[in-house]
Amino acid sequence: MKTCSACGYWKETNEKNNISFHVCNINCNVEKNNAIVKFGNKCLEGDTTESNIVTEITSCANDTITIDSTCQMEAEDTYKKHPGTPKRKLIRQRNPRYVGDCALSDFQSPRKAIRNWKIALSYIDTQHRKLAAAKKQEYRLRKKVTHLEALIRNLKSNKFLSDDAAGVVSASISESSKAIFNRQLNKKSRKEFPQVLRTFATTLQFYSNRAYNYVRKTFMNSLPHPETIRKWYQKCDGTPSIIKESIDTLKLKICEAKSKGKILYFNLVIDEMCIKRKLDWDGKRYTGFVDSGTNIDTNKLPEAQYALVFLVTCVTSR
């Protein structure tokens, strides 16, 4: 229970504020840092004039205490700012720009709390983005492939390629060309893809499109985009005939087997395949007419409904 420092008496207690009501001489001397509690006229001794009745609860934490005619005890604020503090420094202290500048007093008012909360959120978001970028960089460095053998080994371990397909992909690049391919894996370049890299890319995509996409996205190397490979295929002569690239491939396989002392046997299958009746403009003329067996180049021919397909399969080798 609080008591008055002027007389040390107490009589009643206020349950809300825990204040003691007591009698006191109004002319008493009160020292600094002493508590003056509320008291009423019903328990005053001596002069009970209305002008001497104190009705405010005051903490005597200042130099002087006065009792005015309005029956209130006021405390004078003797806190003064340092005269030498520049205005710019005060503004800088009131408006922090970084999280480390914020103090507990900067969150006491709603406006300051909202402003400093936005500063904290911006700082946290920046740190999250930096952390995510660092994790991605570490992941790329761990998954980067520096030579061809590691690439083929990883594809086999992840079951993207079978053992036979991995052997074919490895054999598609000669020993003299592996140095060029390894250098292309280690460093990206905007130059035209070398022929050895084109051969590897087309062979890998032919056996497994999923494995090709895995190599491009996971290992962050310089393999061409699938759309680029499709453009390479478009350079082949696709007119109704036996294309030159097929004949060159058969010659290459036969020469490779002959160098090893082997003889290749092929099975030729000829059959018709139903196609959609459609005319296309290739920039020079319309295609889609019957052009086999007529030897006539005109637009008055009927539209083709079937395609004659030649399928060559090697019997003694893959």
C-alpha atoms as a PDB file:
ATOM      1  CA  MET A   1       0.000   0.000   0.000  1.00  0.00           C
ATOM      2  CA  LYS A   2       1.321   3.460  -0.979  1.00  0.00           C
ATOM      3  CA  THR A   3       1.629   6.181   1.652  1.00  0.00           C
ATOM      4  CA  CYS A   4       2.311   9.866   1.391  1.00  0.00           C
ATOM      5  CA  SER A   5       5.875  11.005   1.914  1.00  0.00           C
ATOM      6  CA  ALA A   6       4.672  14.276   3.380  1.00  0.00           C
ATOM      7  CA  CYS A   7       3.156  12.798   6.550  1.00  0.00           C
ATOM      8  CA  GLY A   8       3.402   9.042   6.244  1.00  0.00           C
ATOM      9  CA  TYR A   9      -0.300   8.604   7.084  1.00  0.00           C
ATOM     10  CA  TRP A  10      -2.934   6.614   5.278  1.00  0.00           C
ATOM     11  CA  LYS A  11      -6.594   6.085   5.955  1.00  0.00           C
ATOM     12  CA  GLU A  12      -8.409   4.479   3.001  1.00  0.00           C
ATOM     13  CA  THR A  13      -7.414   2.562  -0.088  1.00  0.00           C
ATOM     14  CA  ASN A  14      -8.641   2.969  -3.639  1.00  0.00           C
ATOM     15  CA  GLU A  15      -9.067  -0.547  -5.045  1.00  0.00           C
ATOM     16  CA  LYS A  16      -8.509   0.550  -8.631  1.00  0.00           C
ATOM     17  CA  ASN A  17      -5.273   2.486  -8.274  1.00  0.00           C
ATOM     18  CA  ASN A  18      -4.176   1.280  -4.810  1.00  0.00           C
ATOM     19  CA  ILE A  19      -4.084   4.874  -3.505  1.00  0.00           C
ATOM     20  CA  SER A  20      -4.188   5.838   0.197  1.00  0.00           C
ATOM     21  CA  PHE A  21      -6.443   8.653   1.416  1.00  0.00           C
ATOM     22  CA  HIS A  22      -5.082  10.379   4.496  1.00  0.00           C
ATOM     23  CA  VAL A  23      -4.669  13.681   6.338  1.00  0.00           C
ATOM     24  CA  CYS A  24      -1.761  15.975   5.599  1.00  0.00           C
ATOM     25  CA  ASN A  25      -0.541  19.483   6.331  1.00  0.00           C
ATOM     26  CA  ILE A  26      -0.709  21.299   3.019  1.00  0.00           C
ATOM     27  CA  ASN A  27       2.297  23.480   3.821  1.00  0.00           C
ATOM     28  CA  CYS A  28       4.678  20.568   4.289  1.00  0.00           C
ATOM     29  CA  ASN A  29       7.990  20.457   2.436  1.00  0.00           C
ATOM     30  CA  VAL A  30       8.311  17.589  -0.043  1.00  0.00           C
ATOM     31  CA  GLU A  31      11.690  16.541  -1.315  1.00  0.00           C
ATOM     32  CA  LYS A  32      12.586  15.380  -4.849  1.00  0.00           C
ATOM     33  CA  ASN A  33      11.617  11.881  -6.069  1.00  0.00           C
ATOM     34  CA  ASN A  34       8.927  11.454  -3.366  1.00  0.00           C
ATOM     35  CA  ALA A  35       5.416  10.272  -4.146  1.00  0.00           C
ATOM     36  CA  ILE A  36       2.414  12.463  -3.358  1.00  0.00           C
ATOM     37  CA  VAL A  37      -0.829  10.541  -3.273  1.00  0.00           C
ATOM     38  CA  LYS A  38      -4.386  11.783  -3.575  1.00  0.00           C
ATOM     39  CA  PHE A  39      -6.295  12.929  -0.493  1.00  0.00           C
ATOM     40  CA  GLY A  40      -9.693  14.538  -0.039  1.00  0.00           C
ATOM     41  CA  ASN A  41     -11.266  17.239   2.095  1.00  0.00           C
ATOM     42  CA  LYS A  42     -13.127  14.800   4.290  1.00  0.00           C
ATOM     43  CA  CYS A  43      -9.961  13.912   6.163  1.00  0.00           C
ATOM     44  CA  LEU A  44      -7.920  17.131   6.122  1.00  0.00           C
ATOM     45  CA  GLU A  45      -6.556  18.665   9.294  1.00  0.00           C
ATOM     46  CA  GLY A  46      -6.082  22.385   9.824  1.00  0.00           C
ATOM     47  CA  ASP A  47      -7.041  24.553   6.908  1.00  0.00           C
ATOM     48  CA  THR A  48      -9.780  22.861   4.904  1.00  0.00           C
ATOM     49  CA  THR A  49     -10.352  25.551   2.343  1.00  0.00           C
ATOM     50  CA  GLU A  50     -11.278  24.350  -1.103  1.00  0.00           C
ATOM     51  CA  SER A  51      -8.202  25.926  -2.676  1.00  0.00           C
ATOM     52  CA  ASN A  52      -5.923  23.656  -0.681  1.00  0.00           C
ATOM     53  CA  ILE A  53      -7.536  20.348  -1.657  1.00  0.00           C
ATOM     54  CA  VAL A  54      -5.344  18.277  -3.989  1.00  0.00           C
ATOM     55  CA  THR A  55      -7.304  16.045  -6.333  1.00  0.00           C
ATOM     56  CA  GLU A  56      -4.639  14.754  -8.786  1.00  0.00           C
ATOM     57  CA  ILE A  57      -2.312  11.799  -8.331  1.00  0.00           C
ATOM     58  CA  THR A  58       1.188  13.050  -8.989  1.00  0.00           C
ATOM     59  CA  SER A  59       4.619  11.464  -8.881  1.00  0.00           C
ATOM     60  CA  CYS A  60       7.053  13.891  -7.403  1.00  0.00           C
ATOM     61  CA  ALA A  61       9.949  13.110  -9.727  1.00  0.00           C
ATOM     62  CA  ASN A  62      10.873  16.708 -10.531  1.00  0.00           C
ATOM     63  CA  ASP A  63      12.498  19.693  -8.904  1.00  0.00           C
ATOM     64  CA  THR A  64       9.418  21.666  -7.808  1.00  0.00           C
ATOM     65  CA  ILE A  65       5.845  20.891  -6.769  1.00  0.00           C
ATOM     66  CA  THR A  66       3.142  23.554  -6.736  1.00  0.00           C
ATOM     67  CA  ILE A  67      -0.495  23.622  -5.606  1.00  0.00           C
ATOM     68  CA  ASP A  68      -2.576  26.073  -7.653  1.00  0.00           C
ATOM     69  CA  SER A  69      -6.051  27.482  -7.127  1.00  0.00           C
ATOM     70  CA  THR A  70      -7.593  24.879  -9.451  1.00  0.00           C
ATOM     71  CA  CYS A  71      -6.842  22.231  -6.855  1.00  0.00           C
ATOM     72  CA  GLN A  72      -4.250  20.373  -8.983  1.00  0.00           C
ATOM     73  CA  MET A  73      -0.676  19.412  -8.305  1.00  0.00           C
ATOM     74  CA  GLU A  74       1.464  19.722 -11.438  1.00  0.00           C
ATOM     75  CA  ALA A  75       4.967  18.525 -12.096  1.00  0.00           C
ATOM     76  CA  GLU A  76       7.233  20.659 -14.188  1.00  0.00           C
ATOM     77  CA  ASP A  77       9.057  18.906 -17.003  1.00  0.00           C
ATOM     78  CA  THR A  78      12.682  19.810 -16.665  1.00  0.00           C
ATOM     79  CA  TYR A  79      13.910  17.546 -19.492  1.00  0.00           C
ATOM     80  CA  LYS A  80      15.616  19.657 -22.109  1.00  0.00           C
ATOM     81  CA  LYS A  81      17.185  18.622 -25.378  1.00  0.00           C
ATOM     82  CA  HIS A  82      20.863  19.074 -25.896  1.00  0.00           C
ATOM     83  CA  PRO A  83      21.341  22.467 -27.542  1.00  0.00           C
ATOM     84  CA  GLY A  84      24.193  21.206 -29.657  1.00  0.00           C
ATOM     85  CA  THR A  85      22.315  18.317 -31.319  1.00  0.00           C
ATOM     86  CA  PRO A  86      21.748  19.099 -35.031  1.00  0.00           C
ATOM     87  CA  LYS A  87      18.260  18.769 -36.457  1.00  0.00           C
ATOM     88  CA  ARG A  88      19.387  16.380 -39.173  1.00  0.00           C
ATOM     89  CA  LYS A  89      20.719  13.944 -36.575  1.00  0.00           C
ATOM     90  CA  LEU A  90      17.438  14.007 -34.666  1.00  0.00           C
ATOM     91  CA  ILE A  91      15.478  13.267 -37.846  1.00  0.00           C
ATOM     92  CA  ARG A  92      17.836  10.430 -38.695  1.00  0.00           C
ATOM     93  CA  GLN A  93      17.342   8.919 -35.263  1.00  0.00           C
ATOM     94  CA  ARG A  94      13.560   9.157 -35.510  1.00  0.00           C
ATOM     95  CA  ASN A  95      13.386   7.611 -39.016  1.00  0.00           C
ATOM     96  CA  PRO A  96      15.592   4.492 -39.196  1.00  0.00           C
ATOM     97  CA  ARG A  97      16.441   3.185 -42.652  1.00  0.00           C
ATOM     98  CA  TYR A  98      17.813  -0.243 -41.773  1.00  0.00           C
ATOM     99  CA  VAL A  99      16.817  -3.028 -39.417  1.00  0.00           C
ATOM    100  CA  GLY A 100      19.852  -2.452 -37.226  1.00  0.00           C
ATOM    101  CA  ASP A 101      18.795   1.168 -36.637  1.00  0.00           C
ATOM    102  CA  CYS A 102      15.410   0.203 -35.169  1.00  0.00           C
ATOM    103  CA  ALA A 103      14.890   0.314 -31.421  1.00  0.00           C
ATOM    104  CA  LEU A 104      12.017  -0.568 -29.120  1.00  0.00           C
ATOM    105  CA  SER A 105      10.846   3.045 -29.079  1.00  0.00           C
ATOM    106  CA  ASP A 106      10.382   2.958 -32.868  1.00  0.00           C
ATOM    107  CA  PHE A 107       7.417   0.586 -32.471  1.00  0.00           C
ATOM    108  CA  GLN A 108       5.472   2.473 -29.813  1.00  0.00           C
ATOM    109  CA  SER A 109       3.233   4.418 -32.188  1.00  0.00           C
ATOM    110  CA  PRO A 110       1.190   2.746 -34.965  1.00  0.00           C
ATOM    111  CA  ARG A 111       2.713   4.888 -37.715  1.00  0.00           C
ATOM    112  CA  LYS A 112       6.283   4.146 -36.661  1.00  0.00           C
ATOM    113  CA  ALA A 113       5.478   0.478 -36.216  1.00  0.00           C
ATOM    114  CA  ILE A 114       4.074   0.185 -39.764  1.00  0.00           C
ATOM    115  CA  ARG A 115       7.028   2.023 -41.307  1.00  0.00           C
ATOM    116  CA  ASN A 116       9.638  -0.022 -39.473  1.00  0.00           C
ATOM    117  CA  TRP A 117       7.697  -3.236 -40.120  1.00  0.00           C
ATOM    118  CA  LYS A 118       7.955  -2.561 -43.870  1.00  0.00           C
ATOM    119  CA  ILE A 119      11.691  -1.997 -43.492  1.00  0.00           C
ATOM    120  CA  ALA A 120      12.039  -5.339 -41.705  1.00  0.00           C
ATOM    121  CA  LEU A 121       9.972  -7.159 -44.344  1.00  0.00           C
ATOM    122  CA  SER A 122      12.048  -5.654 -47.155  1.00  0.00           C
ATOM    123  CA  TYR A 123      15.254  -6.740 -45.445  1.00  0.00           C
ATOM    124  CA  ILE A 124      13.962 -10.281 -44.867  1.00  0.00           C
ATOM    125  CA  ASP A 125      12.791 -10.577 -48.486  1.00  0.00           C
ATOM    126  CA  THR A 126      16.206  -9.459 -49.762  1.00  0.00           C
ATOM    127  CA  GLN A 127      17.978 -12.004 -47.590  1.00  0.00           C
ATOM    128  CA  HIS A 128      15.628 -14.783 -48.736  1.00  0.00           C
ATOM    129  CA  ARG A 129      16.353 -13.989 -52.387  1.00  0.00           C
ATOM    130  CA  LYS A 130      20.090 -13.970 -51.762  1.00  0.00           C
ATOM    131  CA  LEU A 131      19.847 -17.303 -49.943  1.00  0.00           C
ATOM    132  CA  ALA A 132      17.822 -18.861 -52.773  1.00  0.00           C
ATOM    133  CA  ALA A 133      20.329 -17.624 -55.358  1.00  0.00           C
ATOM    134  CA  ALA A 134      23.216 -19.055 -53.337  1.00  0.00           C
ATOM    135  CA  LYS A 135      21.473 -22.436 -53.051  1.00  0.00           C
ATOM    136  CA  LYS A 136      20.827 -22.542 -56.800  1.00  0.00           C
ATOM    137  CA  GLN A 137      24.445 -21.690 -57.522  1.00  0.00           C
ATOM    138  CA  GLU A 138      25.644 -24.427 -55.187  1.00  0.00           C
ATOM    139  CA  TYR A 139      23.252 -26.912 -56.837  1.00  0.00           C
ATOM    140  CA  ARG A 140      24.541 -26.017 -60.305  1.00  0.00           C
ATOM    141  CA  LEU A 141      28.145 -26.399 -59.227  1.00  0.00           C
ATOM    142  CA  ARG A 142      27.462 -29.811 -57.704  1.00  0.00           C
ATOM    143  CA  LYS A 143      25.589 -31.078 -60.778  1.00  0.00           C
ATOM    144  CA  LYS A 144      27.935 -29.670 -63.409  1.00  0.00           C
ATOM    145  CA  VAL A 145      29.494 -32.255 -65.740  1.00  0.00           C
ATOM    146  CA  THR A 146      33.049 -31.679 -66.899  1.00  0.00           C
ATOM    147  CA  HIS A 147      33.645 -34.670 -69.194  1.00  0.00           C
ATOM    148  CA  LEU A 148      31.687 -37.031 -71.401  1.00  0.00           C
ATOM    149  CA  GLU A 149      32.271 -40.229 -69.427  1.00  0.00           C
ATOM    150  CA  ALA A 150      30.672 -38.750 -66.287  1.00  0.00           C
ATOM    151  CA  LEU A 151      27.670 -37.660 -68.336  1.00  0.00           C
ATOM    152  CA  ILE A 152      27.078 -41.133 -69.812  1.00  0.00           C
ATOM    153  CA  ARG A 153      27.608 -42.746 -66.406  1.00  0.00           C
ATOM    154  CA  ASN A 154      25.041 -40.472 -64.771  1.00  0.00           C
ATOM    155  CA  LEU A 155      22.463 -41.170 -67.476  1.00  0.00           C
ATOM    156  CA  LYS A 156      22.895 -44.905 -66.968  1.00  0.00           C
ATOM    157  CA  SER A 157      22.641 -44.657 -63.172  1.00  0.00           C
ATOM    158  CA  ASN A 158      19.398 -42.677 -63.441  1.00  0.00           C
ATOM    159  CA  LYS A 159      18.048 -45.274 -65.941  1.00  0.00           C
ATOM    160  CA  PHE A 160      17.595 -42.740 -68.725  1.00  0.00           C
ATOM    161  CA  LEU A 161      19.641 -44.894 -71.116  1.00  0.00           C
ATOM    162  CA  SER A 162      20.128 -48.617 -71.415  1.00  0.00           C
ATOM    163  CA  ASP A 163      23.575 -50.162 -71.672  1.00  0.00           C
ATOM    164  CA  ASP A 164      23.236 -50.652 -75.428  1.00  0.00           C
ATOM    165  CA  ALA A 165      22.006 -47.097 -75.997  1.00  0.00           C
ATOM    166  CA  ALA A 166      24.821 -45.706 -73.841  1.00  0.00           C
ATOM    167  CA  GLY A 167      27.327 -47.637 -75.938  1.00  0.00           C
ATOM    168  CA  VAL A 168      25.867 -46.254 -79.155  1.00  0.00           C
ATOM    169  CA  VAL A 169      25.933 -42.687 -77.816  1.00  0.00           C
ATOM    170  CA  SER A 170      29.551 -43.073 -76.707  1.00  0.00           C
ATOM    171  CA  ALA A 171      30.518 -44.585 -80.050  1.00  0.00           C
ATOM    172  CA  SER A 172      28.910 -41.703 -81.933  1.00  0.00           C
ATOM    173  CA  ILE A 173      31.828 -39.486 -80.859  1.00  0.00           C
ATOM    174  CA  SER A 174      35.353 -40.467 -81.816  1.00  0.00           C
ATOM    175  CA  GLU A 175      38.339 -40.170 -79.502  1.00  0.00           C
ATOM    176  CA  SER A 176      39.762 -37.241 -81.446  1.00  0.00           C
ATOM    177  CA  SER A 177      36.512 -35.310 -81.023  1.00  0.00           C
ATOM    178  CA  LYS A 178      36.015 -35.860 -77.288  1.00  0.00           C
ATOM    179  CA  ALA A 179      38.333 -32.976 -76.441  1.00  0.00           C
ATOM    180  CA  ILE A 180      36.092 -30.587 -78.387  1.00  0.00           C
ATOM    181  CA  PHE A 181      32.979 -31.963 -76.700  1.00  0.00           C
ATOM    182  CA  ASN A 182      34.485 -31.730 -73.205  1.00  0.00           C
ATOM    183  CA  ARG A 183      35.544 -28.156 -73.825  1.00  0.00           C
ATOM    184  CA  GLN A 184      32.023 -27.353 -74.968  1.00  0.00           C
ATOM    185  CA  LEU A 185      30.609 -28.878 -71.774  1.00  0.00           C
ATOM    186  CA  ASN A 186      32.874 -26.836 -69.521  1.00  0.00           C
ATOM    187  CA  LYS A 187      32.112 -23.459 -71.061  1.00  0.00           C
ATOM    188  CA  LYS A 188      29.099 -22.109 -72.881  1.00  0.00           C
ATOM    189  CA  SER A 189      29.604 -20.380 -76.214  1.00  0.00           C
ATOM    190  CA  ARG A 190      27.443 -18.558 -78.731  1.00  0.00           C
ATOM    191  CA  LYS A 191      29.385 -19.894 -81.666  1.00  0.00           C
ATOM    192  CA  GLU A 192      27.931 -22.419 -84.078  1.00  0.00           C
ATOM    193  CA  PHE A 193      27.665 -25.920 -82.647  1.00  0.00           C
ATOM    194  CA  PRO A 194      30.462 -28.173 -83.920  1.00  0.00           C
ATOM    195  CA  GLN A 195      29.574 -31.218 -85.953  1.00  0.00           C
ATOM    196  CA  VAL A 196      30.606 -33.641 -83.216  1.00  0.00           C
ATOM    197  CA  LEU A 197      28.225 -31.975 -80.767  1.00  0.00           C
ATOM    198  CA  ARG A 198      25.425 -32.066 -83.322  1.00  0.00           C
ATOM    199  CA  THR A 199      25.958 -35.785 -83.797  1.00  0.00           C
ATOM    200  CA  PHE A 200      25.848 -36.451 -80.065  1.00  0.00           C
ATOM    201  CA  ALA A 201      22.737 -34.287 -79.546  1.00  0.00           C
ATOM    202  CA  THR A 202      20.752 -35.852 -82.379  1.00  0.00           C
ATOM    203  CA  THR A 203      21.746 -39.393 -81.344  1.00  0.00           C
ATOM    204  CA  LEU A 204      20.847 -38.839 -77.687  1.00  0.00           C
ATOM    205  CA  GLN A 205      17.495 -37.286 -78.522  1.00  0.00           C
ATOM    206  CA  PHE A 206      16.729 -40.095 -80.960  1.00  0.00           C
ATOM    207  CA  TYR A 207      17.178 -42.766 -78.282  1.00  0.00           C
ATOM    208  CA  SER A 208      15.578 -40.869 -75.388  1.00  0.00           C
ATOM    209  CA  ASN A 209      14.003 -37.441 -75.495  1.00  0.00           C
ATOM    210  CA  ARG A 210      13.617 -37.584 -71.706  1.00  0.00           C
ATOM    211  CA  ALA A 211      17.341 -38.195 -71.249  1.00  0.00           C
ATOM    212  CA  TYR A 212      18.125 -35.287 -73.545  1.00  0.00           C
ATOM    213  CA  ASN A 213      15.931 -32.890 -71.561  1.00  0.00           C
ATOM    214  CA  TYR A 214      17.481 -34.175 -68.332  1.00  0.00           C
ATOM    215  CA  VAL A 215      20.963 -33.357 -69.609  1.00  0.00           C
ATOM    216  CA  ARG A 216      19.979 -29.846 -70.684  1.00  0.00           C
ATOM    217  CA  LYS A 217      18.081 -28.833 -67.541  1.00  0.00           C
ATOM    218  CA  THR A 218      19.936 -30.642 -64.770  1.00  0.00           C
ATOM    219  CA  PHE A 219      23.558 -30.371 -65.824  1.00  0.00           C
ATOM    220  CA  MET A 220      23.331 -26.826 -67.221  1.00  0.00           C
ATOM    221  CA  ASN A 221      25.501 -27.612 -70.253  1.00  0.00           C
ATOM    222  CA  SER A 222      25.476 -26.281 -73.770  1.00  0.00           C
ATOM    223  CA  LEU A 223      23.409 -28.828 -75.649  1.00  0.00           C
ATOM    224  CA  PRO A 224      21.146 -27.258 -78.288  1.00  0.00           C
ATOM    225  CA  HIS A 225      17.449 -26.699 -77.745  1.00  0.00           C
ATOM    226  CA  PRO A 226      15.091 -29.375 -79.171  1.00  0.00           C
ATOM    227  CA  GLU A 227      13.677 -26.742 -81.507  1.00  0.00           C
ATOM    228  CA  THR A 228      17.180 -26.275 -82.914  1.00  0.00           C
ATOM    229  CA  ILE A 229      17.434 -30.011 -83.583  1.00  0.00           C
ATOM    230  CA  ARG A 230      14.080 -29.916 -85.371  1.00  0.00           C
ATOM    231  CA  LYS A 231      15.422 -27.135 -87.584  1.00  0.00           C
ATOM    232  CA  TRP A 232      18.432 -29.312 -88.380  1.00  0.00           C
ATOM    233  CA  TYR A 233      16.080 -32.068 -89.500  1.00  0.00           C
ATOM    234  CA  GLN A 234      14.198 -29.602 -91.685  1.00  0.00           C
ATOM    235  CA  LYS A 235      17.314 -29.046 -93.758  1.00  0.00           C
ATOM    236  CA  CYS A 236      16.978 -32.579 -95.089  1.00  0.00           C
ATOM    237  CA  ASP A 237      15.274 -32.955 -98.419  1.00  0.00           C
ATOM    238  CA  GLY A 238      11.786 -34.090 -97.453  1.00  0.00           C
ATOM    239  CA  THR A 239      10.373 -34.394-100.957  1.00  0.00           C
ATOM    240  CA  PRO A 240       8.787 -37.756-101.860  1.00  0.00           C
ATOM    241  CA  SER A 241      11.870 -39.838-102.640  1.00  0.00           C
ATOM    242  CA  ILE A 242      14.631 -41.748-100.876  1.00  0.00           C
ATOM    243  CA  ILE A 243      16.531 -39.053 -99.024  1.00  0.00           C
ATOM    244  CA  LYS A 244      20.282 -38.734 -99.409  1.00  0.00           C
ATOM    245  CA  GLU A 245      20.958 -38.845 -95.655  1.00  0.00           C
ATOM    246  CA  SER A 246      19.565 -42.402 -95.452  1.00  0.00           C
ATOM    247  CA  ILE A 247      21.917 -43.613 -98.186  1.00  0.00           C
ATOM    248  CA  ASP A 248      24.877 -41.893 -96.487  1.00  0.00           C
ATOM    249  CA  THR A 249      24.018 -43.546 -93.167  1.00  0.00           C
ATOM    250  CA  LEU A 250      23.899 -46.989 -94.765  1.00  0.00           C
ATOM    251  CA  LYS A 251      27.256 -46.378 -96.438  1.00  0.00           C
ATOM    252  CA  LEU A 252      28.775 -45.290 -93.120  1.00  0.00           C
ATOM    253  CA  LYS A 253      27.523 -48.408 -91.317  1.00  0.00           C
ATOM    254  CA  ILE A 254      28.781 -50.703 -94.074  1.00  0.00           C
ATOM    255  CA  CYS A 255      32.243 -49.091 -94.100  1.00  0.00           C
ATOM    256  CA  GLU A 256      32.458 -49.291 -90.305  1.00  0.00           C
ATOM    257  CA  ALA A 257      31.583 -53.000 -90.334  1.00  0.00           C
ATOM    258  CA  LYS A 258      34.009 -53.681 -93.188  1.00  0.00           C
ATOM    259  CA  SER A 259      36.866 -52.102 -91.192  1.00  0.00           C
ATOM    260  CA  LYS A 260      36.129 -54.654 -88.441  1.00  0.00           C
ATOM    261  CA  GLY A 261      35.961 -57.568 -90.885  1.00  0.00           C
ATOM    262  CA  LYS A 262      32.188 -57.956 -90.721  1.00  0.00           C
ATOM    263  CA  ILE A 263      29.531 -58.196 -93.394  1.00  0.00           C
ATOM    264  CA  LEU A 264      26.136 -56.576 -92.866  1.00  0.00           C
ATOM    265  CA  TYR A 265      22.907 -58.078 -94.160  1.00  0.00           C
ATOM    266  CA  PHE A 266      19.775 -55.950 -94.498  1.00  0.00           C
ATOM    267  CA  ASN A 267      16.096 -56.700 -94.848  1.00  0.00           C
ATOM    268  CA  LEU A 268      14.112 -54.383 -97.129  1.00  0.00           C
ATOM    269  CA  VAL A 269      10.371 -53.990 -96.516  1.00  0.00           C
ATOM    270  CA  ILE A 270       8.129 -52.059 -98.909  1.00  0.00           C
ATOM    271  CA  ASP A 271       4.569 -51.178 -97.988  1.00  0.00           C
ATOM    272  CA  GLU A 272       1.908 -48.531 -98.451  1.00  0.00           C
ATOM    273  CA  MET A 273       0.908 -46.104 -95.713  1.00  0.00           C
ATOM    274  CA  CYS A 274      -2.316 -44.153 -95.686  1.00  0.00           C
ATOM    275  CA  ILE A 275      -1.781 -40.391 -95.426  1.00  0.00           C
ATOM    276  CA  LYS A 276      -4.037 -37.362 -95.107  1.00  0.00           C
ATOM    277  CA  ARG A 277      -5.068 -35.663 -98.314  1.00  0.00           C
ATOM    278  CA  LYS A 278      -3.641 -32.170 -98.067  1.00  0.00           C
ATOM    279  CA  LEU A 279      -1.865 -29.666-100.315  1.00  0.00           C
ATOM    280  CA  ASP A 280       1.050 -27.642 -98.895  1.00  0.00           C
ATOM    281  CA  TRP A 281       2.948 -24.694-100.334  1.00  0.00           C
ATOM    282  CA  ASP A 282       6.729 -24.981 -99.768  1.00  0.00           C
ATOM    283  CA  GLY A 283       7.573 -21.565-101.180  1.00  0.00           C
ATOM    284  CA  LYS A 284       8.107 -22.770-104.718  1.00  0.00           C
ATOM    285  CA  ARG A 285       5.266 -25.086-105.602  1.00  0.00           C
ATOM    286  CA  TYR A 286       2.378 -27.087-104.166  1.00  0.00           C
ATOM    287  CA  THR A 287       3.054 -30.576-102.791  1.00  0.00           C
ATOM    288  CA  GLY A 288       0.620 -33.364-102.038  1.00  0.00           C
ATOM    289  CA  PHE A 289      -0.175 -34.602-105.539  1.00  0.00           C
ATOM    290  CA  VAL A 290       0.463 -38.091-106.909  1.00  0.00           C
ATOM    291  CA  ASP A 291       4.082 -37.893-108.128  1.00  0.00           C
ATOM    292  CA  SER A 292       5.187 -41.550-108.258  1.00  0.00           C
ATOM    293  CA  GLY A 293       4.935 -43.286-111.621  1.00  0.00           C
ATOM    294  CA  THR A 294       3.578 -40.278-113.550  1.00  0.00           C
ATOM    295  CA  ASN A 295       6.764 -38.269-114.211  1.00  0.00           C
ATOM    296  CA  ILE A 296       4.542 -35.224-114.755  1.00  0.00           C
ATOM    297  CA  ASP A 297       4.927 -31.992-112.795  1.00  0.00           C
ATOM    298  CA  THR A 298       1.572 -30.273-112.936  1.00  0.00           C
ATOM    299  CA  ASN A 299      -1.155 -29.080-110.591  1.00  0.00           C
ATOM    300  CA  LYS A 300      -3.821 -31.075-112.384  1.00  0.00           C
ATOM    301  CA  LEU A 301      -2.802 -34.399-110.824  1.00  0.00           C
ATOM    302  CA  PRO A 302      -5.062 -35.967-108.145  1.00  0.00           C
ATOM    303  CA  GLU A 303      -4.199 -35.617-104.483  1.00  0.00           C
ATOM    304  CA  ALA A 304      -2.155 -38.462-102.984  1.00  0.00           C
ATOM    305  CA  GLN A 305      -3.860 -40.808-100.510  1.00  0.00           C
ATOM    306  CA  TYR A 306      -1.039 -43.306 -99.913  1.00  0.00           C
ATOM    307  CA  ALA A 307       2.722 -43.132 -99.398  1.00  0.00           C
ATOM    308  CA  LEU A 308       5.129 -45.856-100.495  1.00  0.00           C
ATOM    309  CA  VAL A 309       7.479 -46.575 -97.563  1.00  0.00           C
ATOM    310  CA  PHE A 310      10.868 -48.346 -97.742  1.00  0.00           C
ATOM    311  CA  LEU A 311      12.123 -49.785 -94.433  1.00  0.00           C
ATOM    312  CA  VAL A 312      15.677 -51.150 -94.213  1.00  0.00           C
ATOM    313  CA  THR A 313      16.563 -53.273 -91.158  1.00  0.00           C
ATOM    314  CA  CYS A 314      20.031 -54.667 -90.432  1.00  0.00           C
ATOM    315  CA  VAL A 315      19.943 -58.369 -89.580  1.00  0.00           C
ATOM    316  CA  THR A 316      23.528 -58.969 -88.399  1.00  0.00           C
ATOM    317  CA  SER A 317      24.068 -55.809 -86.344  1.00  0.00           C
ATOM    318  CA  ARG A 318      22.232 -53.144 -84.405  1.00  0.00           C
END
